[in-house]
N, C-alpha and C. Protein backbone atom coordinates (compact mmCIF):
# COMPACT_ATOMS: atom_id res chain seq x y z
N UNK A 1 -13.01 -27.28 -26.59
CA UNK A 1 -11.71 -27.66 -26.32
C UNK A 1 -10.77 -26.53 -26.52
N UNK A 2 -11.09 -25.75 -27.54
CA UNK A 2 -10.27 -24.40 -27.78
C UNK A 2 -10.33 -23.62 -26.54
N UNK A 3 -11.63 -23.35 -25.91
CA UNK A 3 -11.68 -22.67 -24.83
C UNK A 3 -10.81 -23.17 -23.53
N UNK A 4 -10.79 -24.48 -23.35
CA UNK A 4 -10.02 -25.03 -22.30
C UNK A 4 -8.25 -24.86 -22.63
N UNK A 5 -7.93 -24.82 -23.92
CA UNK A 5 -6.57 -24.48 -24.11
C UNK A 5 -6.31 -23.12 -23.73
N UNK A 6 -7.10 -21.99 -24.30
CA UNK A 6 -6.94 -20.82 -23.93
C UNK A 6 -6.90 -20.52 -22.57
N UNK A 7 -7.72 -21.12 -21.79
CA UNK A 7 -7.94 -20.72 -20.23
C UNK A 7 -6.47 -21.40 -19.59
N UNK A 8 -5.94 -22.36 -20.04
CA UNK A 8 -4.68 -23.00 -19.57
C UNK A 8 -3.65 -22.09 -19.92
N UNK A 9 -3.51 -21.42 -21.21
CA UNK A 9 -2.57 -20.67 -21.48
C UNK A 9 -2.77 -19.26 -20.58
N UNK A 10 -3.89 -18.75 -20.54
CA UNK A 10 -3.94 -17.58 -19.46
C UNK A 10 -3.58 -17.98 -18.03
N UNK A 11 -3.82 -19.17 -17.62
CA UNK A 11 -3.34 -19.59 -16.25
C UNK A 11 -1.83 -19.58 -16.10
N UNK A 12 -1.16 -20.11 -17.37
CA UNK A 12 0.13 -20.07 -17.36
C UNK A 12 0.82 -18.77 -17.44
N UNK A 13 0.04 -17.89 -18.19
CA UNK A 13 0.80 -16.46 -18.00
C UNK A 13 0.56 -15.89 -16.70
N UNK A 14 -0.61 -16.02 -16.20
CA UNK A 14 -0.80 -15.53 -14.96
C UNK A 14 0.33 -15.98 -13.80
N UNK A 15 0.55 -17.31 -14.00
CA UNK A 15 1.47 -17.91 -12.92
C UNK A 15 2.97 -17.45 -13.19
N UNK A 16 3.22 -17.13 -14.40
CA UNK A 16 4.64 -16.66 -14.81
C UNK A 16 4.62 -15.18 -14.27
N UNK A 17 3.74 -14.25 -14.70
CA UNK A 17 3.70 -12.94 -14.00
C UNK A 17 3.60 -12.93 -12.58
N UNK A 18 2.92 -13.81 -11.84
CA UNK A 18 2.85 -13.77 -10.33
C UNK A 18 4.28 -14.25 -9.84
N UNK A 19 5.10 -15.07 -10.56
CA UNK A 19 6.32 -15.44 -10.10
C UNK A 19 7.27 -14.40 -10.33
N UNK A 20 7.13 -13.52 -11.50
CA UNK A 20 8.06 -12.51 -11.75
C UNK A 20 7.92 -11.41 -10.80
N UNK A 21 6.55 -10.92 -10.43
CA UNK A 21 6.37 -9.94 -9.56
C UNK A 21 6.89 -10.21 -8.16
N UNK A 22 6.80 -11.50 -7.79
CA UNK A 22 7.18 -12.02 -6.35
C UNK A 22 8.73 -11.84 -6.43
N UNK A 23 9.36 -12.32 -7.34
CA UNK A 23 10.68 -12.13 -7.39
C UNK A 23 11.03 -10.55 -7.34
N UNK A 24 10.65 -9.81 -8.16
CA UNK A 24 10.74 -8.20 -8.10
C UNK A 24 10.76 -7.63 -6.86
N UNK A 25 9.50 -8.07 -6.13
CA UNK A 25 9.34 -7.58 -4.64
C UNK A 25 10.34 -7.91 -3.90
N UNK A 26 10.83 -9.22 -3.82
CA UNK A 26 11.87 -9.68 -2.84
C UNK A 26 13.01 -9.03 -3.19
N UNK A 27 13.45 -8.99 -4.50
CA UNK A 27 14.73 -8.19 -4.69
C UNK A 27 14.61 -6.59 -4.40
N UNK A 28 13.45 -5.87 -4.54
CA UNK A 28 13.38 -4.49 -4.16
C UNK A 28 13.38 -4.38 -2.61
N UNK A 29 12.74 -5.24 -2.00
CA UNK A 29 12.78 -5.18 -0.52
C UNK A 29 14.10 -5.30 0.17
N UNK A 30 14.94 -6.18 -0.55
CA UNK A 30 16.33 -6.24 -0.09
C UNK A 30 17.26 -4.97 -0.37
N UNK A 31 17.19 -4.51 -1.65
CA UNK A 31 18.14 -3.28 -1.94
C UNK A 31 17.50 -2.23 -2.60
N UNK A 32 16.25 -2.10 -2.76
CA UNK A 32 15.67 -0.95 -3.62
C UNK A 32 15.36 -1.28 -4.97
N UNK A 33 14.66 -0.38 -5.67
CA UNK A 33 14.51 -0.66 -7.01
C UNK A 33 15.47 -0.31 -8.06
N UNK A 34 16.19 0.70 -7.49
CA UNK A 34 17.14 1.28 -8.51
C UNK A 34 18.35 0.35 -8.75
N UNK A 35 18.58 -0.63 -7.94
CA UNK A 35 19.67 -1.70 -7.86
C UNK A 35 19.33 -2.87 -8.62
N UNK A 36 18.05 -3.10 -9.05
CA UNK A 36 17.42 -4.38 -9.60
C UNK A 36 17.36 -4.24 -10.94
N UNK A 37 17.77 -5.16 -11.85
CA UNK A 37 17.87 -5.28 -13.18
C UNK A 37 16.75 -6.23 -13.54
N UNK A 38 16.38 -6.05 -14.90
CA UNK A 38 15.26 -6.98 -15.27
C UNK A 38 15.79 -8.58 -15.32
N UNK A 39 17.10 -8.57 -15.87
CA UNK A 39 17.80 -9.90 -15.89
C UNK A 39 17.76 -10.46 -14.57
N UNK A 40 17.83 -9.68 -13.55
CA UNK A 40 18.01 -10.39 -12.11
C UNK A 40 16.57 -10.96 -11.70
N UNK A 41 15.72 -10.10 -12.14
CA UNK A 41 14.25 -10.39 -11.73
C UNK A 41 13.98 -11.70 -12.37
N UNK A 42 14.40 -12.01 -13.81
CA UNK A 42 13.97 -12.99 -14.60
C UNK A 42 14.59 -14.28 -13.94
N UNK A 43 15.79 -14.12 -13.68
CA UNK A 43 16.62 -15.27 -12.95
C UNK A 43 16.09 -15.70 -11.76
N UNK A 44 15.99 -14.59 -10.84
CA UNK A 44 15.36 -15.10 -9.57
C UNK A 44 13.84 -15.62 -9.72
N UNK A 45 13.23 -15.24 -10.76
CA UNK A 45 11.73 -15.98 -10.80
C UNK A 45 12.01 -17.35 -11.45
N UNK A 46 13.22 -17.78 -11.84
CA UNK A 46 13.34 -19.13 -12.39
C UNK A 46 13.24 -19.10 -13.92
N UNK A 47 13.20 -18.07 -14.54
CA UNK A 47 13.11 -18.22 -16.10
C UNK A 47 14.42 -17.61 -16.90
N UNK A 48 14.28 -17.47 -18.08
CA UNK A 48 15.25 -16.70 -18.62
C UNK A 48 15.35 -15.26 -18.43
N UNK A 49 16.49 -14.73 -19.14
CA UNK A 49 16.70 -13.31 -18.79
C UNK A 49 15.59 -12.39 -19.48
N UNK A 50 15.01 -12.81 -20.43
CA UNK A 50 14.30 -11.98 -21.23
C UNK A 50 12.73 -12.22 -20.88
N UNK A 51 12.38 -13.05 -19.98
CA UNK A 51 11.03 -13.25 -19.58
C UNK A 51 10.20 -11.89 -19.01
N UNK A 52 10.77 -11.18 -18.34
CA UNK A 52 10.34 -10.00 -17.76
C UNK A 52 9.92 -9.01 -18.91
N UNK A 53 10.77 -8.72 -19.81
CA UNK A 53 10.53 -7.74 -21.18
C UNK A 53 9.35 -8.60 -21.90
N UNK A 54 9.31 -9.91 -21.96
CA UNK A 54 8.16 -10.57 -22.61
C UNK A 54 6.73 -10.29 -21.98
N UNK A 55 6.70 -10.37 -20.74
CA UNK A 55 5.51 -10.11 -20.23
C UNK A 55 5.12 -8.68 -19.76
N UNK A 56 6.10 -7.89 -19.45
CA UNK A 56 5.79 -6.51 -19.07
C UNK A 56 6.28 -5.46 -19.87
N UNK A 57 7.19 -5.75 -20.88
CA UNK A 57 7.58 -4.83 -21.95
C UNK A 57 8.70 -3.84 -21.57
N UNK A 58 8.81 -3.55 -20.15
CA UNK A 58 9.95 -2.61 -19.78
C UNK A 58 9.84 -2.59 -18.30
N UNK A 59 11.17 -2.14 -17.78
CA UNK A 59 11.09 -1.93 -16.42
C UNK A 59 10.13 -1.05 -15.84
N UNK A 60 9.77 0.01 -16.48
CA UNK A 60 8.70 1.05 -15.98
C UNK A 60 7.45 0.16 -15.65
N UNK A 61 7.10 -0.84 -16.69
CA UNK A 61 5.76 -1.36 -16.48
C UNK A 61 5.91 -2.39 -15.25
N UNK A 62 7.00 -3.05 -15.30
CA UNK A 62 7.23 -4.09 -14.16
C UNK A 62 7.00 -3.25 -12.74
N UNK A 63 7.70 -2.20 -12.66
CA UNK A 63 7.67 -1.31 -11.44
C UNK A 63 6.29 -1.06 -11.06
N UNK A 64 5.42 -0.71 -12.14
CA UNK A 64 4.05 -0.25 -12.00
C UNK A 64 3.22 -1.40 -11.43
N UNK A 65 3.66 -2.72 -12.03
CA UNK A 65 2.97 -3.73 -11.51
C UNK A 65 3.21 -4.03 -10.15
N UNK A 66 4.49 -3.89 -9.72
CA UNK A 66 4.74 -4.06 -8.48
C UNK A 66 4.20 -3.22 -7.28
N UNK A 67 4.12 -2.05 -7.73
CA UNK A 67 3.54 -1.09 -6.76
C UNK A 67 1.95 -1.47 -6.67
N UNK A 68 1.31 -1.58 -7.75
CA UNK A 68 -0.11 -2.11 -7.61
C UNK A 68 -0.11 -3.27 -6.78
N UNK A 69 0.61 -4.21 -6.79
CA UNK A 69 0.38 -5.37 -5.96
C UNK A 69 0.84 -5.18 -4.63
N UNK A 70 1.89 -4.44 -4.35
CA UNK A 70 2.41 -4.31 -3.04
C UNK A 70 1.60 -3.50 -2.27
N UNK A 71 0.73 -2.56 -2.76
CA UNK A 71 -0.04 -1.62 -1.92
C UNK A 71 -1.41 -2.26 -1.58
N UNK A 72 -1.67 -3.45 -2.09
CA UNK A 72 -3.16 -4.08 -1.67
C UNK A 72 -2.99 -4.42 -0.26
N UNK A 73 -4.16 -4.12 0.55
CA UNK A 73 -4.55 -4.70 1.85
C UNK A 73 -5.91 -4.87 2.03
N UNK A 74 -6.30 -5.64 2.76
CA UNK A 74 -7.71 -6.13 3.04
C UNK A 74 -8.08 -5.24 4.07
N UNK A 75 -9.33 -4.54 3.79
CA UNK A 75 -9.99 -3.65 4.73
C UNK A 75 -11.43 -4.43 4.86
N UNK A 76 -11.70 -4.73 6.10
CA UNK A 76 -13.02 -5.36 6.51
C UNK A 76 -14.22 -4.60 6.24
N UNK A 77 -15.17 -5.10 5.66
CA UNK A 77 -16.59 -4.38 5.52
C UNK A 77 -17.04 -4.03 6.91
N UNK A 78 -17.30 -2.83 7.03
CA UNK A 78 -17.77 -2.36 8.45
C UNK A 78 -19.11 -1.78 8.21
N UNK A 79 -20.40 -2.04 9.01
CA UNK A 79 -21.53 -1.54 8.68
C UNK A 79 -21.78 -0.51 9.85
N UNK A 80 -21.31 0.48 9.81
CA UNK A 80 -21.33 1.45 10.83
C UNK A 80 -21.24 2.79 10.44
N UNK A 81 -20.63 3.65 11.07
CA UNK A 81 -20.61 5.16 10.70
C UNK A 81 -19.34 5.45 10.05
N UNK A 82 -19.22 6.63 9.53
CA UNK A 82 -17.79 7.15 8.68
C UNK A 82 -16.61 6.86 9.58
N UNK A 83 -16.85 7.34 10.88
CA UNK A 83 -15.76 7.10 11.93
C UNK A 83 -15.40 5.74 11.92
N UNK A 84 -16.51 4.87 12.16
CA UNK A 84 -16.12 3.42 12.28
C UNK A 84 -15.40 2.85 11.08
N UNK A 85 -15.70 3.24 9.97
CA UNK A 85 -14.97 2.79 8.74
C UNK A 85 -13.71 3.39 8.62
N UNK A 86 -13.51 4.62 9.05
CA UNK A 86 -12.11 5.29 9.16
C UNK A 86 -11.18 4.49 9.95
N UNK A 87 -11.77 4.14 11.10
CA UNK A 87 -11.00 3.33 12.04
C UNK A 87 -10.54 2.08 11.50
N UNK A 88 -11.46 1.48 10.86
CA UNK A 88 -11.21 0.06 10.44
C UNK A 88 -10.18 0.31 9.27
N UNK A 89 -10.17 1.09 8.55
CA UNK A 89 -9.18 1.48 7.46
C UNK A 89 -7.96 1.47 7.88
N UNK A 90 -7.75 2.42 9.01
CA UNK A 90 -6.32 2.83 9.59
C UNK A 90 -5.82 1.44 10.29
N UNK A 91 -6.74 0.74 10.83
CA UNK A 91 -6.25 -0.43 11.57
C UNK A 91 -5.80 -1.44 10.73
N UNK A 92 -6.46 -1.62 9.61
CA UNK A 92 -6.11 -2.60 8.70
C UNK A 92 -4.75 -2.32 8.04
N UNK A 93 -4.65 -1.01 7.84
CA UNK A 93 -3.33 -0.44 7.14
C UNK A 93 -2.26 -0.87 8.05
N UNK A 94 -2.33 -0.46 9.33
CA UNK A 94 -1.36 -0.77 10.22
C UNK A 94 -1.05 -2.21 10.78
N UNK A 95 -2.05 -2.93 10.73
CA UNK A 95 -1.95 -4.47 10.94
C UNK A 95 -1.23 -5.04 9.67
N UNK A 96 -1.52 -4.43 8.61
CA UNK A 96 -0.84 -4.68 7.16
C UNK A 96 0.81 -4.71 7.37
N UNK A 97 0.98 -3.41 7.84
CA UNK A 97 2.56 -2.97 8.12
C UNK A 97 3.18 -3.90 8.96
N UNK A 98 2.41 -4.28 10.28
CA UNK A 98 3.05 -5.07 11.34
C UNK A 98 3.47 -6.45 10.60
N UNK A 99 2.90 -6.94 9.54
CA UNK A 99 3.29 -8.28 9.08
C UNK A 99 4.83 -8.26 8.65
N UNK A 100 5.19 -7.13 8.20
CA UNK A 100 6.65 -7.01 7.67
C UNK A 100 6.95 -7.97 6.49
N UNK A 101 5.99 -8.10 5.68
CA UNK A 101 5.96 -9.16 4.46
C UNK A 101 6.95 -8.37 3.42
N UNK A 102 7.61 -8.92 2.65
CA UNK A 102 8.63 -8.30 1.57
C UNK A 102 7.70 -7.33 0.69
N UNK A 103 6.54 -7.46 0.43
CA UNK A 103 5.78 -6.56 -0.45
C UNK A 103 5.63 -5.18 0.33
N UNK A 104 5.62 -5.17 1.53
CA UNK A 104 5.30 -4.04 2.44
C UNK A 104 6.62 -3.32 2.41
N UNK A 105 7.78 -4.07 2.56
CA UNK A 105 9.14 -3.52 2.58
C UNK A 105 9.40 -2.98 1.08
N UNK A 106 9.23 -3.44 0.16
CA UNK A 106 9.44 -3.13 -1.28
C UNK A 106 8.49 -1.85 -1.37
N UNK A 107 7.11 -1.78 -1.15
CA UNK A 107 6.51 -0.68 -1.38
C UNK A 107 6.82 0.57 -0.63
N UNK A 108 7.28 0.37 0.61
CA UNK A 108 7.75 1.60 1.42
C UNK A 108 9.12 2.07 0.78
N UNK A 109 9.96 1.07 0.29
CA UNK A 109 11.33 1.60 -0.14
C UNK A 109 11.11 2.45 -1.45
N UNK A 110 10.07 1.81 -2.10
CA UNK A 110 9.90 2.56 -3.54
C UNK A 110 9.21 3.96 -3.30
N UNK A 111 8.35 4.04 -2.33
CA UNK A 111 7.73 5.31 -1.76
C UNK A 111 8.71 6.28 -1.36
N UNK A 112 9.82 5.90 -0.68
CA UNK A 112 10.85 6.89 -0.30
C UNK A 112 11.69 7.22 -1.59
N UNK A 113 11.71 6.23 -2.26
CA UNK A 113 12.70 6.36 -3.64
C UNK A 113 11.90 7.53 -4.47
N UNK A 114 10.68 7.49 -4.40
CA UNK A 114 9.81 8.39 -5.25
C UNK A 114 9.90 9.84 -4.67
N UNK A 115 9.98 9.86 -3.32
CA UNK A 115 10.22 11.21 -2.65
C UNK A 115 11.32 11.99 -3.32
N UNK A 116 12.18 11.15 -3.90
CA UNK A 116 13.61 11.99 -4.36
C UNK A 116 13.52 12.11 -5.88
N UNK A 117 12.19 12.35 -6.17
CA UNK A 117 11.69 12.50 -7.79
C UNK A 117 12.49 11.66 -8.77
N UNK A 118 12.36 10.28 -8.25
CA UNK A 118 12.60 9.18 -9.31
C UNK A 118 11.83 9.50 -10.47
N UNK A 119 12.25 9.41 -11.72
CA UNK A 119 11.35 9.81 -12.83
C UNK A 119 10.31 8.86 -13.14
N UNK A 120 10.24 7.55 -12.76
CA UNK A 120 9.36 6.39 -13.06
C UNK A 120 8.55 6.51 -11.59
N UNK A 121 9.12 6.25 -10.58
CA UNK A 121 8.25 5.93 -9.36
C UNK A 121 7.46 7.41 -8.79
N UNK A 122 8.09 8.56 -8.98
CA UNK A 122 7.47 9.83 -8.73
C UNK A 122 6.08 9.97 -9.33
N UNK A 123 5.88 9.59 -10.69
CA UNK A 123 4.43 9.96 -11.12
C UNK A 123 3.69 8.83 -10.50
N UNK A 124 4.11 7.64 -10.34
CA UNK A 124 3.35 6.42 -9.92
C UNK A 124 2.79 6.72 -8.45
N UNK A 125 3.57 7.19 -7.49
CA UNK A 125 3.32 7.11 -6.21
C UNK A 125 2.27 8.48 -6.01
N UNK A 126 2.68 9.66 -6.82
CA UNK A 126 2.01 10.80 -6.74
C UNK A 126 0.44 10.61 -7.00
N UNK A 127 0.39 9.50 -8.08
CA UNK A 127 -1.21 9.14 -8.36
C UNK A 127 -1.84 8.47 -7.29
N UNK A 128 -0.93 7.39 -6.71
CA UNK A 128 -1.47 6.71 -5.79
C UNK A 128 -1.70 7.39 -4.48
N UNK A 129 -0.85 7.98 -3.97
CA UNK A 129 -1.23 8.98 -2.82
C UNK A 129 -2.20 9.98 -3.00
N UNK A 130 -2.51 10.54 -4.22
CA UNK A 130 -3.69 11.34 -4.38
C UNK A 130 -5.09 10.49 -4.31
N UNK A 131 -5.08 9.21 -4.80
CA UNK A 131 -5.99 8.38 -4.76
C UNK A 131 -6.51 8.02 -3.25
N UNK A 132 -5.31 7.73 -2.57
CA UNK A 132 -5.48 7.19 -1.21
C UNK A 132 -6.08 8.52 -0.31
N UNK A 133 -5.61 9.50 -0.47
CA UNK A 133 -5.94 10.85 0.18
C UNK A 133 -7.46 10.97 -0.30
N UNK A 134 -7.80 10.84 -1.51
CA UNK A 134 -9.20 11.18 -1.93
C UNK A 134 -10.09 9.95 -1.14
N UNK A 135 -9.67 8.91 -1.18
CA UNK A 135 -10.54 7.78 -0.45
C UNK A 135 -10.54 8.08 1.17
N UNK A 136 -9.65 8.65 1.84
CA UNK A 136 -9.56 9.03 3.21
C UNK A 136 -10.45 10.14 3.32
N UNK A 137 -10.50 11.11 2.63
CA UNK A 137 -11.30 12.41 2.83
C UNK A 137 -12.83 11.85 2.45
N UNK A 138 -13.01 11.04 1.46
CA UNK A 138 -14.25 10.54 1.41
C UNK A 138 -15.14 9.86 2.65
N UNK A 139 -14.35 9.16 3.40
CA UNK A 139 -14.70 8.67 4.57
C UNK A 139 -14.88 9.56 5.68
N UNK A 140 -13.89 10.50 5.75
CA UNK A 140 -14.03 11.51 6.57
C UNK A 140 -15.50 12.39 6.35
N UNK A 141 -15.54 12.71 5.29
CA UNK A 141 -16.76 13.51 4.52
C UNK A 141 -18.21 12.91 5.20
N UNK A 142 -18.03 11.44 4.78
CA UNK A 142 -19.12 10.67 5.30
C UNK A 142 -19.48 10.79 7.01
N UNK A 143 -18.34 10.59 7.61
CA UNK A 143 -18.57 10.65 9.01
C UNK A 143 -19.02 12.19 9.42
N UNK A 144 -18.55 13.28 8.89
CA UNK A 144 -19.15 14.57 9.08
C UNK A 144 -20.62 14.57 8.83
N UNK A 145 -20.93 14.01 7.72
CA UNK A 145 -22.44 14.07 7.36
C UNK A 145 -23.37 13.15 8.14
N UNK A 146 -22.81 12.01 8.82
CA UNK A 146 -23.64 11.16 9.47
C UNK A 146 -23.43 11.53 11.07
N UNK A 147 -22.61 12.54 11.32
CA UNK A 147 -22.64 13.01 12.86
C UNK A 147 -21.57 12.22 13.51
N UNK A 148 -20.81 11.24 13.04
CA UNK A 148 -19.74 10.54 13.90
C UNK A 148 -18.47 11.47 13.86
N UNK A 149 -18.26 12.09 12.92
CA UNK A 149 -17.11 13.06 13.04
C UNK A 149 -17.26 14.40 13.22
N UNK A 150 -16.51 15.04 14.04
CA UNK A 150 -16.79 16.50 14.47
C UNK A 150 -17.13 17.24 13.07
N UNK A 151 -18.00 18.25 13.26
CA UNK A 151 -18.31 19.06 12.13
C UNK A 151 -17.27 19.96 11.64
N UNK A 152 -16.30 20.36 12.45
CA UNK A 152 -15.15 21.34 12.14
C UNK A 152 -14.10 20.58 11.38
N UNK A 153 -14.20 19.32 11.08
CA UNK A 153 -13.19 18.50 10.51
C UNK A 153 -13.11 18.84 9.13
N UNK A 154 -11.79 19.10 8.67
CA UNK A 154 -11.63 19.46 7.05
C UNK A 154 -11.42 18.12 6.55
N UNK A 155 -12.19 17.52 5.73
CA UNK A 155 -11.82 16.04 5.03
C UNK A 155 -10.43 16.16 4.35
N UNK A 156 -10.19 16.93 3.54
CA UNK A 156 -8.81 17.00 2.91
C UNK A 156 -7.69 17.23 3.73
N UNK A 157 -7.89 17.97 4.82
CA UNK A 157 -6.65 18.24 5.64
C UNK A 157 -6.44 17.02 6.67
N UNK A 158 -7.55 16.33 7.07
CA UNK A 158 -7.48 15.10 7.66
C UNK A 158 -6.83 14.09 6.97
N UNK A 159 -6.96 14.03 5.56
CA UNK A 159 -6.48 12.93 4.78
C UNK A 159 -5.05 13.22 4.60
N UNK A 160 -4.68 14.50 4.54
CA UNK A 160 -3.20 14.69 4.31
C UNK A 160 -2.45 14.14 5.58
N UNK A 161 -3.17 14.48 6.81
CA UNK A 161 -2.59 14.08 8.02
C UNK A 161 -2.56 12.66 8.30
N UNK A 162 -3.52 12.03 7.96
CA UNK A 162 -3.38 10.52 8.14
C UNK A 162 -2.58 9.86 7.15
N UNK A 163 -2.53 10.44 5.78
CA UNK A 163 -1.72 9.62 4.96
C UNK A 163 -0.16 9.95 5.59
N UNK A 164 0.20 11.02 5.97
CA UNK A 164 1.53 11.14 6.45
C UNK A 164 2.01 10.25 7.48
N UNK A 165 0.87 10.13 8.52
CA UNK A 165 1.01 9.21 9.67
C UNK A 165 1.34 7.95 9.13
N UNK A 166 0.42 7.38 8.52
CA UNK A 166 0.56 5.97 8.01
C UNK A 166 1.83 5.74 7.32
N UNK A 167 2.18 6.48 6.31
CA UNK A 167 3.34 6.20 5.77
C UNK A 167 4.68 6.29 6.62
N UNK A 168 4.46 7.29 7.47
CA UNK A 168 5.75 7.59 8.51
C UNK A 168 5.84 6.28 9.41
N UNK A 169 4.60 5.79 9.91
CA UNK A 169 4.70 4.73 10.65
C UNK A 169 5.21 3.53 10.12
N UNK A 170 4.80 3.44 8.79
CA UNK A 170 5.31 2.23 7.81
C UNK A 170 6.89 2.27 7.75
N UNK A 171 7.43 3.54 7.46
CA UNK A 171 8.68 3.74 7.30
C UNK A 171 9.53 3.33 8.44
N UNK A 172 9.13 3.70 9.77
CA UNK A 172 9.78 3.39 10.73
C UNK A 172 9.80 1.69 11.08
N UNK A 173 8.60 1.23 10.58
CA UNK A 173 8.53 -0.29 10.77
C UNK A 173 9.64 -1.03 9.71
N UNK A 174 9.77 -0.43 8.53
CA UNK A 174 10.58 -0.92 7.49
C UNK A 174 11.92 -0.62 7.74
N UNK A 175 12.23 0.41 8.67
CA UNK A 175 13.70 0.97 8.72
C UNK A 175 14.55 0.05 9.46
N UNK A 176 16.04 0.31 9.54
CA UNK A 176 16.70 -0.48 10.24
C UNK A 176 16.45 -0.56 11.91
N UNK A 177 15.92 0.72 12.34
CA UNK A 177 15.60 0.60 13.70
C UNK A 177 14.58 -0.28 14.17
N UNK A 178 13.58 -0.93 13.13
CA UNK A 178 12.66 -1.79 13.35
C UNK A 178 11.88 -1.59 14.42
N UNK A 179 11.09 -0.29 14.36
CA UNK A 179 10.11 0.01 15.47
C UNK A 179 9.05 -1.03 15.30
N UNK A 180 8.53 -1.53 16.51
CA UNK A 180 7.53 -2.55 16.28
C UNK A 180 6.05 -2.13 16.27
N UNK A 181 5.37 -2.30 15.29
CA UNK A 181 3.96 -1.90 14.92
C UNK A 181 2.95 -3.00 15.23
N UNK A 182 3.07 -3.20 16.94
CA UNK A 182 2.25 -4.36 17.40
C UNK A 182 0.95 -3.89 17.60
N UNK A 183 0.24 -4.67 18.09
CA UNK A 183 -1.24 -4.67 18.42
C UNK A 183 -1.49 -3.43 19.37
N UNK A 184 -0.57 -3.17 20.26
CA UNK A 184 -0.84 -1.98 21.21
C UNK A 184 -0.55 -0.76 20.63
N UNK A 185 0.33 -0.50 19.59
CA UNK A 185 0.53 0.63 18.76
C UNK A 185 -0.46 1.02 17.78
N UNK A 186 -0.98 -0.11 17.30
CA UNK A 186 -2.25 -0.07 16.41
C UNK A 186 -3.52 0.55 17.05
N UNK A 187 -3.80 -0.13 18.15
CA UNK A 187 -4.96 0.24 18.96
C UNK A 187 -4.65 1.65 19.45
N UNK A 188 -3.61 1.99 19.97
CA UNK A 188 -3.23 3.29 20.49
C UNK A 188 -3.51 4.36 19.10
N UNK A 189 -3.10 4.00 18.11
CA UNK A 189 -3.03 4.97 17.04
C UNK A 189 -4.65 5.30 16.61
N UNK A 190 -5.40 4.04 16.60
CA UNK A 190 -6.82 4.33 16.36
C UNK A 190 -7.43 4.96 17.36
N UNK A 191 -7.12 4.58 18.58
CA UNK A 191 -7.73 5.50 19.69
C UNK A 191 -7.48 6.83 19.55
N UNK A 192 -6.54 7.40 19.32
CA UNK A 192 -6.09 8.87 19.15
C UNK A 192 -7.03 9.31 17.96
N UNK A 193 -7.07 8.57 16.82
CA UNK A 193 -7.83 9.03 15.83
C UNK A 193 -9.26 9.26 16.16
N UNK A 194 -9.88 8.27 16.96
CA UNK A 194 -11.36 8.47 17.27
C UNK A 194 -11.63 9.47 18.21
N UNK A 195 -10.70 9.49 19.14
CA UNK A 195 -10.78 10.76 20.08
C UNK A 195 -10.60 12.14 19.51
N UNK A 196 -9.64 12.16 18.56
CA UNK A 196 -9.49 13.44 18.05
C UNK A 196 -10.57 14.05 16.93
N UNK A 197 -11.15 12.91 16.23
CA UNK A 197 -12.04 13.09 15.26
C UNK A 197 -13.53 13.00 15.69
N UNK A 198 -13.69 12.15 16.86
CA UNK A 198 -14.98 11.90 17.13
C UNK A 198 -16.07 13.16 17.56
N UNK A 199 -17.17 13.02 17.27
CA UNK A 199 -18.20 14.08 17.57
C UNK A 199 -18.61 14.04 19.19
N UNK A 200 -18.51 13.06 19.72
CA UNK A 200 -18.96 12.74 20.92
C UNK A 200 -18.10 13.50 22.23
N UNK A 201 -18.58 13.31 23.50
CA UNK A 201 -17.86 14.16 24.35
C UNK A 201 -16.37 13.48 24.52
N UNK A 202 -15.30 14.17 24.81
CA UNK A 202 -13.91 13.74 24.94
C UNK A 202 -13.76 13.23 26.35
N UNK A 203 -12.92 11.96 26.55
CA UNK A 203 -12.69 11.63 27.84
C UNK A 203 -11.84 12.37 28.80
N UNK A 204 -12.01 12.32 29.88
CA UNK A 204 -11.34 13.34 30.69
C UNK A 204 -9.98 13.04 30.95
């Protein structure tokens, strides 16, 4: 019986935190993180002004939770070469961007703010960018080893190039110009990637 009560309390806490994070994402996607206060987030989530502090402790911790949540996207399992896995990752990232969900807009706006040396977002995104580059480089390295990626490819350099391209496409999608990241653009990007990195003969 005690275990059941504890589980219910955990579920309630998780629900509250989910609503708070969703409210923060919606507000940040609309006007950026710098213009959003904890009181506004609590009210938008349907709670008291102090609910955010009670669950997250500070604005910094809330922003960290938003960044963690907003950066998630599903990458399908691929039983293939390193190049196959890299193509699947890039395709999944761009398809996620194409959805134009508030979480994507919030993430990209915060990433842009972090480029301006925001004292909170700067370190958060520096670590996440390093981690993403490391993941990309590892897949490229696997491709070099299994022969699907050209042997002269520098995994770290390719990772920098890909991260810049993916973030740049995302920023164009989120911007006021509203560049459309449709299926054609996604597949064209993947095709350029495969042709540029693939170890096989290049098309005429």
